[in-house]
Amino acid sequence: MAVQCWSDALKSAKKTALLHDGKRKVHYLFVDGKEMAEEYDVKTDELIVRKWRRKNTLGALGQWEIEVGDPSTMTISEPHLIMESSSNPVLMRKDTKTSFQWRVRNLPYPKEVYSVSVEPVERCCIIRTTNKKYYKKFSIPDLDRCQLPLESSALTFSHANNTLIISYQKPKQILTLEQDLLRELKKMKGSGDGDVDCKTQ
């Protein structure tokens, strides 16, 4: 079962944890050489950042790819990421405990202009506008890793303050997986103030 395989991969990964500035930062090194870095809010346990780094065909480490979080916050530590124009629509993912959530800033059109749909065969969600001003495809890697189906009934969207907010309710398998992982991360030493570094094999 794919969900169990991903859970086992997380548990077997070499993890390094750091508590700093109100965040729990966790680095994962998987058996296949991939790296994943996450940041959680210590008070709310909400995921703030998730990014990936893979080796290229020559064996050198590639650049970090952001899966969750605001790319604009990476500009200092990741200078290769180019800032987009402040007036262009910007898609970023910012999850809640119960939903995967994406925000598209700089979309001034009224809500009735937008449609958001699930494409099960392509395994993606698509944002369309009736005025043809914006079109975007995006996937849900969490569901792909666990090989879970995309359900139209889980998808909702709203619009406020020039921002389109798209929510996809997390399936129970994902909620259980995330809760189990968080419990494991909290067991790792490093619950004091300041910078605390801890590792587990």
Protein backbone atom coordinates (compact mmCIF):
# COMPACT_ATOMS: atom_id res chain seq x y z
CA MET A 1 0.00 0.00 0.00
CA ALA A 2 1.47 3.32 -1.10
CA VAL A 3 0.44 5.18 2.06
CA GLN A 4 2.33 2.67 4.19
CA CYS A 5 5.35 2.80 1.87
CA TRP A 6 5.57 6.59 2.24
CA SER A 7 5.09 6.32 6.01
CA ASP A 8 7.91 3.76 6.17
CA ALA A 9 10.16 5.99 4.05
CA LEU A 10 9.59 8.91 6.45
CA LYS A 11 10.32 6.74 9.48
CA SER A 12 13.48 5.21 7.98
CA ALA A 13 14.89 8.54 6.74
CA LYS A 14 17.80 10.04 8.65
CA LYS A 15 16.30 13.06 10.42
CA THR A 16 17.91 16.12 11.96
CA ALA A 17 15.72 18.47 14.02
CA LEU A 18 16.33 22.02 15.16
CA LEU A 19 14.16 24.27 17.32
CA HIS A 20 14.71 27.92 16.49
CA ASP A 21 12.70 31.13 16.51
CA GLY A 22 9.40 29.40 17.29
CA LYS A 23 9.84 26.85 14.51
CA ARG A 24 10.59 23.14 14.45
CA LYS A 25 12.90 22.61 11.49
CA VAL A 26 13.37 19.03 10.30
CA HIS A 27 15.75 17.76 7.63
CA TYR A 28 15.18 14.34 6.09
CA LEU A 29 17.76 12.33 4.14
CA PHE A 30 16.12 9.43 2.34
CA VAL A 31 17.74 6.16 1.31
CA ASP A 32 17.65 7.18 -2.37
CA GLY A 33 19.62 10.37 -1.61
CA LYS A 34 16.69 12.81 -1.83
CA GLU A 35 16.46 15.50 0.82
CA MET A 36 13.36 17.08 2.30
CA ALA A 37 13.28 20.03 4.70
CA GLU A 38 10.22 21.06 6.68
CA GLU A 39 9.39 23.85 9.12
CA TYR A 40 6.52 23.67 11.61
CA ASP A 41 5.09 26.35 13.87
CA VAL A 42 5.89 25.10 17.37
CA LYS A 43 2.70 26.56 18.89
CA THR A 44 0.17 25.46 16.26
CA ASP A 45 2.04 22.48 14.71
CA GLU A 46 1.08 23.82 11.28
CA LEU A 47 3.44 23.14 8.38
CA ILE A 48 5.03 26.39 7.18
CA VAL A 49 7.61 25.17 4.65
CA ARG A 50 8.36 21.96 2.78
CA LYS A 51 11.07 21.84 0.15
CA TRP A 52 12.94 19.13 -1.75
CA ARG A 53 16.43 18.71 -3.13
CA ARG A 54 17.50 15.92 -5.47
CA LYS A 55 20.78 14.86 -7.03
CA ASN A 56 21.13 15.39 -10.75
CA THR A 57 22.32 12.80 -13.26
CA LEU A 58 25.95 13.63 -12.41
CA GLY A 59 25.36 13.06 -8.72
CA ALA A 60 25.55 16.74 -7.72
CA LEU A 61 22.90 18.25 -5.46
CA GLY A 62 20.30 20.29 -7.29
CA GLN A 63 18.49 23.40 -6.15
CA TRP A 64 15.79 23.37 -3.49
CA GLU A 65 12.26 23.11 -4.90
CA ILE A 66 9.49 24.55 -2.74
CA GLU A 67 6.39 22.39 -2.29
CA VAL A 68 4.79 24.29 0.60
CA GLY A 69 5.49 27.88 1.63
CA ASP A 70 6.08 31.30 0.15
CA PRO A 71 8.89 31.34 -2.46
CA SER A 72 9.56 35.02 -1.74
CA THR A 73 10.90 34.09 1.71
CA MET A 74 13.68 32.06 0.05
CA THR A 75 15.33 34.92 -1.78
CA ILE A 76 18.09 35.51 0.79
CA SER A 77 19.20 31.93 1.31
CA GLU A 78 18.31 30.81 -2.22
CA PRO A 79 19.48 33.62 -4.52
CA HIS A 80 18.77 31.58 -7.66
CA LEU A 81 15.03 32.00 -7.09
CA ILE A 82 13.96 35.02 -9.10
CA MET A 83 11.39 37.38 -7.61
CA GLU A 84 8.27 37.65 -9.73
CA SER A 85 6.73 40.99 -10.59
CA SER A 86 4.67 42.25 -7.67
CA SER A 87 1.67 42.73 -9.98
CA ASN A 88 1.68 39.23 -11.52
CA PRO A 89 -0.50 36.45 -10.09
CA VAL A 90 1.53 34.37 -7.63
CA LEU A 91 0.52 30.83 -6.59
CA MET A 92 1.75 29.55 -3.25
CA ARG A 93 0.70 26.69 -1.02
CA LYS A 94 -0.05 27.22 2.65
CA ASP A 95 -1.76 24.27 4.32
CA THR A 96 -4.02 24.12 7.34
CA LYS A 97 -4.29 21.13 9.65
CA THR A 98 -7.30 19.75 7.77
CA SER A 99 -6.79 21.04 4.21
CA PHE A 100 -4.20 21.48 1.50
CA GLN A 101 -4.52 25.13 0.60
CA TRP A 102 -3.26 27.33 -2.23
CA ARG A 103 -3.42 31.09 -2.54
CA VAL A 104 -3.15 33.02 -5.79
CA ARG A 105 -2.37 36.66 -5.08
CA ASN A 106 -3.00 39.56 -7.48
CA LEU A 107 -6.23 38.24 -8.98
CA PRO A 108 -8.66 41.22 -8.87
CA TYR A 109 -11.60 39.64 -10.71
CA PRO A 110 -14.86 38.75 -8.92
CA LYS A 111 -15.42 35.19 -7.69
CA GLU A 112 -17.88 34.29 -10.46
CA VAL A 113 -15.07 34.64 -13.03
CA TYR A 114 -13.16 31.65 -11.61
CA SER A 115 -13.66 27.92 -11.88
CA VAL A 116 -11.48 25.34 -10.15
CA SER A 117 -11.75 21.70 -11.16
CA VAL A 118 -10.14 18.35 -10.47
CA GLU A 119 -8.77 16.32 -13.38
CA PRO A 120 -8.49 12.75 -12.02
CA VAL A 121 -6.80 11.31 -15.12
CA GLU A 122 -4.14 14.02 -15.26
CA ARG A 123 -3.96 13.99 -11.43
CA CYS A 124 -4.08 17.76 -11.16
CA CYS A 125 -6.30 20.72 -10.33
CA ILE A 126 -6.98 23.45 -12.89
CA ILE A 127 -7.84 27.09 -12.32
CA ARG A 128 -9.68 28.77 -15.19
CA THR A 129 -11.20 32.20 -15.70
CA THR A 130 -14.09 33.07 -18.01
CA ASN A 131 -12.21 36.18 -19.15
CA LYS A 132 -9.17 34.05 -20.15
CA LYS A 133 -6.89 36.16 -17.96
CA TYR A 134 -5.53 33.32 -15.83
CA TYR A 135 -5.02 29.58 -16.27
CA LYS A 136 -3.03 27.32 -13.96
CA LYS A 137 -2.49 23.60 -13.45
CA PHE A 138 -1.10 22.28 -10.20
CA SER A 139 -0.73 18.86 -8.63
CA ILE A 140 -1.07 17.62 -5.05
CA PRO A 141 2.22 15.76 -4.41
CA ASP A 142 0.96 14.40 -1.07
CA LEU A 143 -1.78 12.46 -2.87
CA ASP A 144 0.62 11.33 -5.60
CA ARG A 145 3.12 9.96 -3.07
CA CYS A 146 0.36 7.95 -1.41
CA GLN A 147 -1.37 7.11 -4.72
CA LEU A 148 -4.68 8.41 -3.42
CA PRO A 149 -7.42 9.52 -5.85
CA LEU A 150 -8.37 13.15 -6.41
CA GLU A 151 -11.97 13.87 -5.42
CA SER A 152 -13.95 16.81 -6.81
CA SER A 153 -16.07 16.90 -3.64
CA ALA A 154 -12.98 17.74 -1.56
CA LEU A 155 -12.26 20.93 -3.54
CA THR A 156 -13.62 24.37 -2.64
CA PHE A 157 -12.53 27.94 -3.33
CA SER A 158 -13.20 31.50 -2.22
CA HIS A 159 -12.02 34.96 -3.25
CA ALA A 160 -11.19 37.98 -1.09
CA ASN A 161 -8.72 40.89 -1.13
CA ASN A 162 -7.55 40.11 -4.69
CA THR A 163 -6.60 36.59 -3.57
CA LEU A 164 -8.09 33.31 -4.77
CA ILE A 165 -8.02 30.71 -1.97
CA ILE A 166 -8.35 27.05 -2.96
CA SER A 167 -8.82 24.35 -0.35
CA TYR A 168 -8.71 20.57 -0.73
CA GLN A 169 -9.88 18.60 2.28
CA LYS A 170 -7.21 16.16 3.37
CA PRO A 171 -8.33 12.51 3.18
CA LYS A 172 -8.31 10.58 6.44
CA GLN A 173 -5.25 8.58 5.37
CA ILE A 174 -3.23 11.81 5.05
CA LEU A 175 -4.52 13.16 8.37
CA THR A 176 -3.49 9.94 10.15
CA LEU A 177 -0.09 9.94 8.46
CA GLU A 178 0.58 13.57 9.42
CA GLN A 179 -0.51 13.02 13.01
CA ASP A 180 1.73 9.96 13.35
CA LEU A 181 4.70 11.84 11.89
CA LEU A 182 4.18 14.83 14.15
CA ARG A 183 4.10 12.58 17.19
CA GLU A 184 7.39 11.05 16.11
CA LEU A 185 8.99 14.46 15.52
CA LYS A 186 7.91 15.64 18.96
CA LYS A 187 9.60 12.62 20.52
CA MET A 188 12.92 13.77 19.11
CA LYS A 189 14.95 15.61 21.71
CA GLY A 190 15.06 19.38 21.41
CA SER A 191 12.22 20.83 23.42
CA GLY A 192 14.16 23.59 25.17
CA ASP A 193 14.65 27.24 24.32
CA GLY A 194 17.17 28.44 21.80
CA ASP A 195 18.81 26.36 19.09
CA VAL A 196 18.64 22.65 19.73
CA ASP A 197 20.07 20.12 17.31
CA CYS A 198 19.11 16.48 17.48
CA LYS A 199 19.49 13.53 15.15
CA THR A 200 17.97 10.13 14.65
CA GLN A 201 18.83 7.34 12.31
